[in-house]
């Protein structure tokens, strides 16, 4: 079987956009940045809370979507993989996470 030779790259960043579960209380680690409760730039009305607003949260659903960014020098390639279930889950999470694909 032939081997596929991969060229070395400087960085690979994978942003999970849709998954089956999210834990907003799990902290990030070394090279992992996680969405945390209140870290969204998007707000929604919550009249029963002090201040009247609460941070939006990403939606969870069956399926998986990820944004993969690969950089070498000044060249950057981006791949959006989307196998999410709903037509608006990915768009909602991109907005909530503040991602610019």
Foldseek 3Di string as FASTA:
>chain_A
DDDDDDDDFDDKDKDWQEAQDADQPDCADDPGHHHHFQPFPDWDADCVDVVRIGQDDQDYAPWTWMWMWTHHDPDIDIDIDGPGDDPCRRVVSCNRVVPDD
